[in-house]
């Protein structure tokens, strides 16, 4: 998908470029900076020595060497001094300049750490908001797979706007202990259930009758409903798939296949992008062979946001990540 959040070690991410939260000397340090230099090898340090440092908010690019990426983009985040010394603008510049370098070097995928949120003291929730908003603005005009890499759960200890309310909503509605939110439903039976075997048609007339019945009863497909709703909402294809956090290639595949069967996360992402009501969302899911269930935390979280008419897919994905659920998008 164009934007995702993962919990991982950024030095293990396979992509075109990773971003290093560097210090102004570019000669290595602690945290992410030190980890990247150790993993890349001494060749990275030798190239960085030729760059003569970097100013706060700016970015410079080097090779990836022993890392599983082509490039390392080094950017220097601001030290938090209370928020009244231009920290937000400087942090925005870190993301903007890093993305500009990635685009200039024809990168199709880039991974960021949460810049300045460690020893530089930038409050994590505010740092996260700056990262997401800046990346979101970039993706409105550009095609690129962008990953925000969170090293561990403690690094994502954010004061969520919705967490307590959603946790209460889950507790009130969660009716089972399992969290299988990818089950596909057909005629009320999940794929995991064993459907009764269809009786063999002994008479040709019976088979013909069944064929006619199916032909007369079959509803519009997921793709047909999606395209109809895009037209009804007055959106362009580009506006829809970007708002849904969906890759352009996947959208083209869906558009060209009337009977395309998406993943559940993809179907919901389009429902969010189209700002559908809860009933419309359930209808779109049914077209894809899915349903919302109170035996799934994922489904309950989606239901909560749709009921509240909160259609910001980045904020929804932040919450899904917090509750260890799959993210929306391709």
Protein backbone atom coordinates (compact mmCIF):
# COMPACT_ATOMS: atom_id res chain seq x y z
CA UNK A 1 0.00 0.00 0.00
CA UNK A 2 1.20 3.61 -0.46
CA UNK A 3 1.50 4.25 3.32
CA UNK A 4 1.79 1.78 6.16
CA UNK A 5 3.05 1.56 9.71
CA UNK A 6 5.12 -1.43 10.79
CA UNK A 7 6.89 -2.47 13.97
CA UNK A 8 10.36 -3.50 12.88
CA UNK A 9 14.06 -2.69 12.79
CA UNK A 10 14.55 -0.17 9.97
CA UNK A 11 17.88 -1.76 9.05
CA UNK A 12 15.97 -4.91 8.07
CA UNK A 13 13.47 -3.19 5.75
CA UNK A 14 13.86 -4.06 2.07
CA UNK A 15 13.10 -0.96 0.01
CA UNK A 16 14.79 1.51 -2.30
CA UNK A 17 15.79 3.93 0.47
CA UNK A 18 15.68 4.15 4.24
CA UNK A 19 15.84 7.45 6.09
CA UNK A 20 18.40 7.97 8.82
CA UNK A 21 17.57 10.31 11.71
CA UNK A 22 21.13 11.63 11.73
CA UNK A 23 22.98 14.27 13.69
CA UNK A 24 24.44 17.30 11.94
CA UNK A 25 27.89 15.74 11.51
CA UNK A 26 26.48 12.71 9.60
CA UNK A 27 29.24 10.65 11.24
CA UNK A 28 27.05 8.33 13.24
CA UNK A 29 25.67 8.43 16.75
CA UNK A 30 23.23 6.60 18.96
CA UNK A 31 19.77 5.16 18.35
CA UNK A 32 18.66 4.73 14.75
CA UNK A 33 21.71 6.62 13.48
CA UNK A 34 24.18 4.26 15.11
CA UNK A 35 22.20 1.16 14.14
CA UNK A 36 22.17 2.19 10.46
CA UNK A 37 25.91 2.91 10.43
CA UNK A 38 26.71 -0.43 12.09
CA UNK A 39 24.53 -2.36 9.67
CA UNK A 40 25.78 -0.53 6.56
CA UNK A 41 29.47 -0.94 7.36
CA UNK A 42 32.43 1.45 7.35
CA UNK A 43 31.87 2.40 3.69
CA UNK A 44 28.85 4.45 4.75
CA UNK A 45 30.95 6.45 7.21
CA UNK A 46 33.61 7.09 4.55
CA UNK A 47 31.01 8.48 2.15
CA UNK A 48 29.38 10.57 4.89
CA UNK A 49 32.76 12.16 5.69
CA UNK A 50 32.75 13.64 2.18
CA UNK A 51 29.36 15.33 2.68
CA UNK A 52 30.61 17.84 5.29
CA UNK A 53 27.60 17.56 7.55
CA UNK A 54 23.97 18.57 7.13
CA UNK A 55 21.80 21.37 8.50
CA UNK A 56 18.68 20.76 10.56
CA UNK A 57 15.68 20.12 8.33
CA UNK A 58 17.83 19.30 5.29
CA UNK A 59 18.68 15.90 3.79
CA UNK A 60 21.55 14.23 1.94
CA UNK A 61 21.78 10.86 0.21
CA UNK A 62 24.38 8.08 0.19
CA UNK A 63 24.61 4.47 -0.89
CA UNK A 64 23.11 1.70 1.23
CA UNK A 65 26.18 -0.60 1.22
CA UNK A 66 25.47 -3.63 3.44
CA UNK A 67 21.87 -2.60 4.08
CA UNK A 68 18.99 -4.21 2.10
CA UNK A 69 18.34 -0.90 0.31
CA UNK A 70 19.92 1.11 -2.51
CA UNK A 71 20.20 4.37 -0.59
CA UNK A 72 20.32 5.93 2.84
CA UNK A 73 18.78 9.40 3.07
CA UNK A 74 20.23 11.27 6.03
CA UNK A 75 18.14 14.04 7.60
CA UNK A 76 18.72 16.06 10.76
CA UNK A 77 15.63 16.52 12.91
CA UNK A 78 15.08 19.40 15.32
CA UNK A 79 15.73 19.21 19.04
CA UNK A 80 12.51 19.87 20.95
CA UNK A 81 12.71 23.19 22.81
CA UNK A 82 9.10 23.64 23.79
CA UNK A 83 7.60 24.01 20.33
CA UNK A 84 8.06 27.76 19.90
CA UNK A 85 11.38 27.66 18.03
CA UNK A 86 10.20 26.44 14.62
CA UNK A 87 10.43 22.76 15.51
CA UNK A 88 7.32 21.76 13.55
CA UNK A 89 8.44 23.51 10.35
CA UNK A 90 11.91 21.96 10.64
CA UNK A 91 10.46 18.49 11.18
CA UNK A 92 8.17 18.93 8.18
CA UNK A 93 11.25 19.91 6.15
CA UNK A 94 12.98 16.67 7.17
CA UNK A 95 10.18 14.62 5.61
CA UNK A 96 9.67 16.90 2.60
CA UNK A 97 13.39 17.06 1.70
CA UNK A 98 13.86 13.33 2.25
CA UNK A 99 10.90 12.54 0.00
CA UNK A 100 12.16 14.98 -2.63
CA UNK A 101 15.54 13.20 -2.66
CA UNK A 102 13.83 9.82 -2.90
CA UNK A 103 11.76 11.01 -5.85
CA UNK A 104 14.79 12.62 -7.53
CA UNK A 105 16.63 9.30 -7.31
CA UNK A 106 13.65 7.36 -8.75
CA UNK A 107 12.88 5.51 -5.52
CA UNK A 108 9.58 3.65 -5.54
CA UNK A 109 9.70 2.77 -1.84
CA UNK A 110 11.11 4.52 1.22
CA UNK A 111 11.07 3.78 4.96
CA UNK A 112 11.18 6.42 7.72
CA UNK A 113 11.81 6.22 11.44
CA UNK A 114 9.81 8.56 13.67
CA UNK A 115 12.25 11.45 13.34
CA UNK A 116 13.28 13.45 16.46
CA UNK A 117 11.04 11.40 18.78
CA UNK A 118 13.97 9.79 20.64
CA UNK A 119 16.82 11.62 22.36
CA UNK A 120 15.87 14.85 20.56
CA UNK A 121 12.77 14.90 22.76
CA UNK A 122 10.03 15.74 20.25
CA UNK A 123 6.71 14.58 21.82
CA UNK A 124 5.81 11.30 20.14
CA UNK A 125 2.18 12.12 19.34
CA UNK A 126 3.13 15.45 17.77
CA UNK A 127 6.05 13.88 15.88
CA UNK A 128 3.73 11.20 14.57
CA UNK A 129 1.13 13.75 13.47
CA UNK A 130 3.74 15.77 11.57
CA UNK A 131 5.05 12.63 9.87
CA UNK A 132 1.60 11.42 8.80
CA UNK A 133 0.35 14.79 7.59
CA UNK A 134 3.50 15.53 5.57
CA UNK A 135 3.54 12.06 4.01
CA UNK A 136 -0.18 12.34 3.27
CA UNK A 137 0.33 15.64 1.41
CA UNK A 138 3.18 14.12 -0.62
CA UNK A 139 1.11 11.09 -1.62
CA UNK A 140 -1.72 13.30 -2.87
CA UNK A 141 0.58 14.35 -5.73
CA UNK A 142 3.00 11.43 -6.03
CA UNK A 143 3.12 7.63 -6.33
CA UNK A 144 5.41 5.96 -3.80
CA UNK A 145 5.27 3.22 -1.16
CA UNK A 146 6.11 4.84 2.18
CA UNK A 147 6.60 2.97 5.44
CA UNK A 148 6.80 4.47 8.91
CA UNK A 149 8.90 2.08 10.98
CA UNK A 150 8.26 1.87 14.72
CA UNK A 151 11.01 -0.03 16.53
CA UNK A 152 8.94 -1.36 19.44
CA UNK A 153 5.64 -0.93 21.26
CA UNK A 154 7.14 1.55 23.72
CA UNK A 155 8.16 3.77 20.80
CA UNK A 156 4.48 4.04 19.89
CA UNK A 157 3.30 5.02 23.37
CA UNK A 158 1.09 7.80 22.07
CA UNK A 159 -1.71 9.65 23.84
CA UNK A 160 -4.38 8.58 21.38
CA UNK A 161 -7.44 10.76 20.80
CA UNK A 162 -9.71 7.74 20.41
CA UNK A 163 -7.96 4.91 22.26
CA UNK A 164 -9.88 4.94 25.52
CA UNK A 165 -13.26 5.39 23.83
CA UNK A 166 -12.53 2.66 21.27
CA UNK A 167 -11.28 0.29 23.96
CA UNK A 168 -14.53 0.81 25.84
CA UNK A 169 -16.53 0.29 22.63
CA UNK A 170 -14.65 -2.97 21.95
CA UNK A 171 -15.28 -4.19 25.50
CA UNK A 172 -18.99 -3.52 25.13
CA UNK A 173 -19.32 -5.23 21.74
CA UNK A 174 -16.68 -7.95 21.58
CA UNK A 175 -18.53 -11.28 21.85
CA UNK A 176 -15.77 -13.79 21.23
CA UNK A 177 -12.09 -14.22 22.00
CA UNK A 178 -10.87 -14.81 18.44
CA UNK A 179 -9.79 -12.02 16.07
CA UNK A 180 -10.08 -13.68 12.69
CA UNK A 181 -11.10 -10.63 10.66
CA UNK A 182 -10.26 -12.01 7.24
CA UNK A 183 -12.91 -14.73 7.03
CA UNK A 184 -14.85 -14.61 3.78
CA UNK A 185 -18.56 -15.37 3.93
CA UNK A 186 -20.68 -17.12 1.31
CA UNK A 187 -24.40 -17.45 1.94
CA UNK A 188 -23.91 -17.18 5.71
CA UNK A 189 -21.17 -19.84 5.82
CA UNK A 190 -17.53 -18.93 6.39
CA UNK A 191 -14.83 -20.44 4.24
CA UNK A 192 -13.66 -22.36 7.29
CA UNK A 193 -17.09 -23.98 7.72
CA UNK A 194 -17.94 -27.07 5.75
CA UNK A 195 -20.83 -26.29 3.37
CA UNK A 196 -23.20 -29.12 2.49
CA UNK A 197 -22.41 -30.74 -0.82
CA UNK A 198 -24.72 -29.76 -3.64
CA UNK A 199 -26.94 -32.59 -4.73
CA UNK A 200 -26.19 -33.96 -8.15
CA UNK A 201 -28.69 -32.76 -10.76
CA UNK A 202 -30.38 -35.88 -12.08
CA UNK A 203 -32.61 -34.03 -14.46
CA UNK A 204 -31.33 -31.54 -16.99
CA UNK A 205 -34.42 -29.41 -16.49
CA UNK A 206 -33.55 -28.89 -12.84
CA UNK A 207 -30.05 -27.65 -13.75
CA UNK A 208 -31.50 -25.27 -16.31
CA UNK A 209 -33.94 -23.91 -13.72
CA UNK A 210 -31.09 -23.31 -11.26
CA UNK A 211 -29.07 -21.54 -13.96
CA UNK A 212 -32.00 -19.28 -14.77
CA UNK A 213 -32.58 -18.58 -11.07
CA UNK A 214 -28.93 -17.55 -10.54
CA UNK A 215 -29.00 -15.35 -13.64
CA UNK A 216 -32.11 -13.54 -12.45
CA UNK A 217 -31.02 -13.14 -8.82
CA UNK A 218 -27.33 -12.20 -9.12
CA UNK A 219 -26.58 -8.70 -7.87
CA UNK A 220 -24.02 -6.13 -8.98
CA UNK A 221 -20.43 -7.05 -8.22
CA UNK A 222 -18.01 -5.30 -5.87
CA UNK A 223 -16.30 -3.59 -8.82
CA UNK A 224 -19.61 -2.40 -10.24
CA UNK A 225 -20.71 -0.96 -6.91
CA UNK A 226 -17.32 0.70 -6.38
CA UNK A 227 -17.36 2.43 -9.77
CA UNK A 228 -20.98 3.45 -9.32
CA UNK A 229 -20.26 5.00 -5.93
CA UNK A 230 -17.22 6.87 -7.29
CA UNK A 231 -19.48 8.45 -9.92
CA UNK A 232 -22.22 9.21 -7.39
CA UNK A 233 -19.75 10.92 -5.07
CA UNK A 234 -18.36 13.00 -7.94
CA UNK A 235 -14.83 11.70 -7.34
CA UNK A 236 -12.12 10.85 -9.84
CA UNK A 237 -10.46 7.43 -9.81
CA UNK A 238 -7.23 9.01 -8.57
CA UNK A 239 -8.95 10.83 -5.72
CA UNK A 240 -10.64 7.61 -4.65
CA UNK A 241 -7.67 5.22 -4.66
CA UNK A 242 -5.36 7.76 -3.01
CA UNK A 243 -7.89 8.48 -0.28
CA UNK A 244 -8.26 4.72 0.17
CA UNK A 245 -4.47 4.25 0.54
CA UNK A 246 -4.56 1.91 -2.45
CA UNK A 247 -1.86 1.42 -5.05
CA UNK A 248 -2.66 2.67 -8.57
CA UNK A 249 -1.79 -0.70 -10.14
CA UNK A 250 -4.22 -2.53 -7.88
CA UNK A 251 -6.99 -0.06 -8.65
CA UNK A 252 -6.42 -0.57 -12.38
CA UNK A 253 -6.69 -4.33 -11.86
CA UNK A 254 -9.98 -3.91 -9.98
CA UNK A 255 -11.42 -1.53 -12.58
CA UNK A 256 -10.65 -3.92 -15.43
CA UNK A 257 -12.18 -6.99 -13.72
CA UNK A 258 -15.93 -6.87 -13.05
CA UNK A 259 -15.69 -9.96 -10.82
CA UNK A 260 -12.56 -8.93 -8.87
CA UNK A 261 -12.54 -10.26 -5.29
CA UNK A 262 -10.57 -7.89 -3.03
CA UNK A 263 -9.15 -8.52 0.41
CA UNK A 264 -11.36 -7.39 3.25
CA UNK A 265 -8.98 -4.55 4.17
CA UNK A 266 -9.08 -3.29 0.58
CA UNK A 267 -12.88 -3.34 0.40
CA UNK A 268 -13.17 -1.43 3.68
CA UNK A 269 -10.54 1.09 2.55
CA UNK A 270 -12.71 1.99 -0.45
CA UNK A 271 -15.78 2.28 1.78
CA UNK A 272 -13.85 4.70 4.00
CA UNK A 273 -12.60 6.69 1.00
CA UNK A 274 -16.16 7.00 -0.31
CA UNK A 275 -17.40 7.98 3.17
CA UNK A 276 -20.15 5.37 3.10
CA UNK A 277 -22.65 4.94 5.91
CA UNK A 278 -22.51 1.78 8.03
CA UNK A 279 -25.28 0.13 5.99
CA UNK A 280 -23.55 1.07 2.71
CA UNK A 281 -20.24 -0.22 4.07
CA UNK A 282 -21.84 -3.54 4.98
CA UNK A 283 -23.39 -3.69 1.51
CA UNK A 284 -20.03 -3.09 -0.18
CA UNK A 285 -18.41 -5.75 1.98
CA UNK A 286 -21.17 -8.21 1.11
CA UNK A 287 -20.47 -7.63 -2.60
CA UNK A 288 -16.92 -8.79 -1.91
CA UNK A 289 -18.10 -11.78 0.13
CA UNK A 290 -17.40 -10.36 3.61
CA UNK A 291 -19.32 -9.16 6.66
CA UNK A 292 -18.66 -7.15 9.81
CA UNK A 293 -18.75 -9.23 12.97
CA UNK A 294 -18.63 -8.48 16.69
CA UNK A 295 -16.33 -11.48 17.10
CA UNK A 296 -13.54 -9.42 15.48
CA UNK A 297 -11.79 -6.46 17.11
CA UNK A 298 -10.81 -5.26 13.65
CA UNK A 299 -14.46 -5.16 12.58
CA UNK A 300 -15.58 -3.40 15.76
CA UNK A 301 -12.95 -0.68 15.30
CA UNK A 302 -14.07 -0.14 11.70
CA UNK A 303 -17.69 -0.02 12.81
CA UNK A 304 -16.81 2.58 15.46
CA UNK A 305 -15.14 4.96 13.00
CA UNK A 306 -17.87 4.61 10.38
CA UNK A 307 -20.61 5.20 12.95
CA UNK A 308 -18.76 8.33 14.13
CA UNK A 309 -18.32 9.40 10.46
CA UNK A 310 -14.55 9.62 10.93
CA UNK A 311 -13.16 8.82 7.48
CA UNK A 312 -9.47 9.71 7.89
CA UNK A 313 -7.81 6.45 6.84
CA UNK A 314 -4.46 7.51 8.32
CA UNK A 315 -6.04 8.03 11.74
CA UNK A 316 -7.93 4.76 11.44
CA UNK A 317 -4.74 2.91 10.55
CA UNK A 318 -2.96 4.50 13.51
CA UNK A 319 -5.66 3.09 15.78
CA UNK A 320 -5.61 -0.34 14.09
CA UNK A 321 -1.82 -0.42 14.58
CA UNK A 322 -2.24 0.47 18.25
CA UNK A 323 -4.61 -2.49 18.68
CA UNK A 324 -2.34 -4.88 16.70
CA UNK A 325 -4.75 -5.24 13.77
CA UNK A 326 -4.18 -5.28 10.03
CA UNK A 327 -4.11 -1.88 8.33
CA UNK A 328 -6.46 -0.63 5.62
CA UNK A 329 -5.30 -0.48 2.01
CA UNK A 330 -3.81 -2.79 -0.54
